[in-house]
C-alpha atoms as a PDB file:
ATOM      1  CA  MET A   1       4.443 -13.323 -15.916  1.00  0.00           C
ATOM      2  CA  SER A   2       1.516 -11.286 -14.731  1.00  0.00           C
ATOM      3  CA  LYS A   3      -1.815 -11.659 -16.438  1.00  0.00           C
ATOM      4  CA  LYS A   4      -2.931  -9.328 -19.210  1.00  0.00           C
ATOM      5  CA  GLY A   5      -4.534  -6.322 -17.600  1.00  0.00           C
ATOM      6  CA  ASP A   6      -2.230  -6.286 -14.563  1.00  0.00           C
ATOM      7  CA  ALA A   7      -0.482  -2.986 -13.911  1.00  0.00           C
ATOM      8  CA  ILE A   8       2.986  -4.482 -14.398  1.00  0.00           C
ATOM      9  CA  SER A   9       2.221  -6.101 -17.741  1.00  0.00           C
ATOM     10  CA  GLU A  10       0.454  -3.093 -19.225  1.00  0.00           C
ATOM     11  CA  THR A  11       2.218  -0.057 -17.755  1.00  0.00           C
ATOM     12  CA  ARG A  12       5.612   0.876 -16.386  1.00  0.00           C
ATOM     13  CA  LEU A  13       5.717   0.473 -12.647  1.00  0.00           C
ATOM     14  CA  GLY A  14       4.916   3.728 -10.889  1.00  0.00           C
ATOM     15  CA  ASN A  15       3.170   5.552 -13.718  1.00  0.00           C
ATOM     16  CA  ASP A  16       0.502   5.161 -16.372  1.00  0.00           C
ATOM     17  CA  ILE A  17       2.769   5.152 -19.423  1.00  0.00           C
ATOM     18  CA  PRO A  18       2.013   1.973 -21.411  1.00  0.00           C
ATOM     19  CA  LEU A  19       4.800  -0.546 -21.924  1.00  0.00           C
ATOM     20  CA  THR A  20       6.175  -0.867 -25.419  1.00  0.00           C
ATOM     21  CA  ALA A  21       5.927  -4.153 -27.307  1.00  0.00           C
ATOM     22  CA  ALA A  22       9.682  -4.642 -26.777  1.00  0.00           C
ATOM     23  CA  GLN A  23       9.323  -4.123 -23.028  1.00  0.00           C
ATOM     24  CA  ARG A  24       6.453  -6.632 -22.874  1.00  0.00           C
ATOM     25  CA  ARG A  25       8.560  -9.182 -24.817  1.00  0.00           C
ATOM     26  CA  GLU A  26      11.507  -8.654 -22.470  1.00  0.00           C
ATOM     27  CA  LEU A  27       9.278  -9.181 -19.426  1.00  0.00           C
ATOM     28  CA  SER A  28       7.888 -12.365 -20.972  1.00  0.00           C
ATOM     29  CA  VAL A  29      11.400 -13.728 -21.575  1.00  0.00           C
ATOM     30  CA  LEU A  30      12.462 -12.878 -18.020  1.00  0.00           C
ATOM     31  CA  ALA A  31       9.328 -14.404 -16.502  1.00  0.00           C
ATOM     32  CA  ALA A  32       9.904 -17.650 -18.424  1.00  0.00           C
ATOM     33  CA  ARG A  33      13.428 -18.124 -16.993  1.00  0.00           C
ATOM     34  CA  PRO A  34      13.737 -20.773 -14.280  1.00  0.00           C
ATOM     35  CA  GLU A  35      14.570 -19.401 -10.835  1.00  0.00           C
ATOM     36  CA  GLU A  36      17.869 -21.322 -10.703  1.00  0.00           C
ATOM     37  CA  ASP A  37      19.092 -19.429 -13.792  1.00  0.00           C
ATOM     38  CA  VAL A  38      18.867 -16.102 -11.980  1.00  0.00           C
ATOM     39  CA  ASP A  39      22.229 -15.064 -10.487  1.00  0.00           C
ATOM     40  CA  THR A  40      21.640 -13.371  -7.133  1.00  0.00           C
ATOM     41  CA  SER A  41      25.242 -13.658  -5.897  1.00  0.00           C
ATOM     42  CA  ASP A  42      25.701  -9.866  -5.988  1.00  0.00           C
ATOM     43  CA  ILE A  43      22.657  -9.268  -3.778  1.00  0.00           C
ATOM     44  CA  PRO A  44      23.414  -9.407  -0.039  1.00  0.00           C
ATOM     45  CA  GLU A  45      21.256 -11.479   2.303  1.00  0.00           C
ATOM     46  CA  LEU A  46      18.786  -9.389   4.303  1.00  0.00           C
ATOM     47  CA  THR A  47      19.314 -10.072   7.986  1.00  0.00           C
ATOM     48  CA  GLU A  48      17.119  -9.451  11.019  1.00  0.00           C
ATOM     49  CA  GLU A  49      19.293  -6.385  11.690  1.00  0.00           C
ATOM     50  CA  PHE A  50      18.282  -4.922   8.319  1.00  0.00           C
ATOM     51  CA  TRP A  51      14.562  -5.196   9.158  1.00  0.00           C
ATOM     52  CA  ARG A  52      14.833  -4.124  12.819  1.00  0.00           C
ATOM     53  CA  GLY A  53      13.876  -0.467  12.225  1.00  0.00           C
ATOM     54  CA  ALA A  54      11.449  -1.101   9.365  1.00  0.00           C
ATOM     55  CA  ARG A  55       7.902   0.220   9.626  1.00  0.00           C
ATOM     56  CA  ALA A  56       5.119  -0.991   7.335  1.00  0.00           C
ATOM     57  CA  GLY A  57       3.201   1.599   5.344  1.00  0.00           C
ATOM     58  CA  ARG A  58       5.462   4.489   6.297  1.00  0.00           C
ATOM     59  CA  PHE A  59       5.243   6.141   2.882  1.00  0.00           C
ATOM     60  CA  TYR A  60       1.755   4.986   1.927  1.00  0.00           C
ATOM     61  CA  ARG A  61      -0.589   7.933   1.563  1.00  0.00           C
ATOM     62  CA  PRO A  62      -4.078   6.959   0.460  1.00  0.00           C
ATOM     63  CA  VAL A  63      -6.099   9.392  -1.613  1.00  0.00           C
ATOM     64  CA  LYS A  64      -8.336  11.463   0.636  1.00  0.00           C
ATOM     65  CA  GLN A  65     -11.836  12.526  -0.261  1.00  0.00           C
ATOM     66  CA  GLN A  66     -13.284  15.645   1.279  1.00  0.00           C
ATOM     67  CA  LEU A  67     -16.901  15.306   2.358  1.00  0.00           C
ATOM     68  CA  THR A  68     -19.452  16.544   4.815  1.00  0.00           C
ATOM     69  CA  LEU A  69     -20.298  13.955   7.434  1.00  0.00           C
ATOM     70  CA  ARG A  70     -22.686  14.318  10.334  1.00  0.00           C
ATOM     71  CA  LEU A  71     -21.465  12.678  13.523  1.00  0.00           C
ATOM     72  CA  ASP A  72     -22.938  12.741  16.997  1.00  0.00           C
ATOM     73  CA  ALA A  73     -21.640  15.768  18.912  1.00  0.00           C
ATOM     74  CA  ASP A  74     -20.445  13.659  21.849  1.00  0.00           C
ATOM     75  CA  VAL A  75     -18.405  11.417  19.519  1.00  0.00           C
ATOM     76  CA  VAL A  76     -16.676  14.410  17.899  1.00  0.00           C
ATOM     77  CA  ASP A  77     -16.120  15.950  21.335  1.00  0.00           C
ATOM     78  CA  TRP A  78     -14.481  12.722  22.593  1.00  0.00           C
ATOM     79  CA  PHE A  79     -12.058  12.619  19.663  1.00  0.00           C
ATOM     80  CA  ARG A  80     -11.212  16.307  20.053  1.00  0.00           C
ATOM     81  CA  ARG A  81     -10.554  15.922  23.790  1.00  0.00           C
ATOM     82  CA  HIS A  82      -8.327  12.892  23.215  1.00  0.00           C
ATOM     83  CA  ALA A  83      -6.340  14.421  20.351  1.00  0.00           C
ATOM     84  CA  LYS A  84      -2.998  15.984  21.230  1.00  0.00           C
ATOM     85  CA  ASP A  85      -3.580  19.738  21.567  1.00  0.00           C
ATOM     86  CA  GLY A  86      -6.992  19.206  19.943  1.00  0.00           C
ATOM     87  CA  LYS A  87      -5.301  18.549  16.600  1.00  0.00           C
ATOM     88  CA  GLY A  88      -5.469  15.417  14.518  1.00  0.00           C
ATOM     89  CA  TYR A  89      -8.890  14.310  15.696  1.00  0.00           C
ATOM     90  CA  GLN A  90     -10.102  13.828  12.108  1.00  0.00           C
ATOM     91  CA  THR A  91      -7.102  11.581  11.441  1.00  0.00           C
ATOM     92  CA  ASP A  92      -7.969   9.620  14.582  1.00  0.00           C
ATOM     93  CA  ILE A  93     -11.558   9.194  13.384  1.00  0.00           C
ATOM     94  CA  ASN A  94     -10.242   8.007  10.007  1.00  0.00           C
ATOM     95  CA  ARG A  95      -7.949   5.461  11.750  1.00  0.00           C
ATOM     96  CA  VAL A  96     -10.861   4.058  13.745  1.00  0.00           C
ATOM     97  CA  LEU A  97     -13.000   3.775  10.614  1.00  0.00           C
ATOM     98  CA  ARG A  98     -10.139   2.124   8.684  1.00  0.00           C
ATOM     99  CA  ALA A  99      -9.562  -0.416  11.488  1.00  0.00           C
ATOM    100  CA  TYR A 100     -13.284  -1.219  11.461  1.00  0.00           C
ATOM    101  CA  VAL A 101     -13.329  -1.716   7.683  1.00  0.00           C
ATOM    102  CA  GLU A 102     -10.193  -3.900   7.745  1.00  0.00           C
ATOM    103  CA  ALA A 103     -11.631  -6.029  10.577  1.00  0.00           C
ATOM    104  CA  LYS A 104     -14.863  -6.525   8.617  1.00  0.00           C
ATOM    105  CA  ASP A 105     -12.877  -7.455   5.482  1.00  0.00           C
ATOM    106  CA  ARG A 106     -10.801 -10.009   7.421  1.00  0.00           C
ATOM    107  CA  LYS A 107     -13.936 -11.506   8.939  1.00  0.00           C
ATOM    108  CA  ALA A 108     -15.675 -11.708   5.531  1.00  0.00           C
ATOM    109  CA  GLY A 109     -12.605 -12.980   3.662  1.00  0.00           C
END
């Protein structure tokens, strides 16, 4: 069972509506069941074929924050020139910044 304070134990998955006491009890009972007691015979095995076309993060859309940011003119110019039809350069800048942050997190962690 997840710890008190976790999203799954305190709210219904996908929204902020709190779980009822009955729902929390049911989750506790289910979490206490041994794995071998769970019947998965009606669930098909996932094969390599199933995952072949999968793409990670396809539907993930992080919350964006609008801000004013001063960047060197030559940096902005480079991104604009390398963007398809001059569009999407801000998204490209965001991708570069995200990759930098993730690399720093991996290095620190």
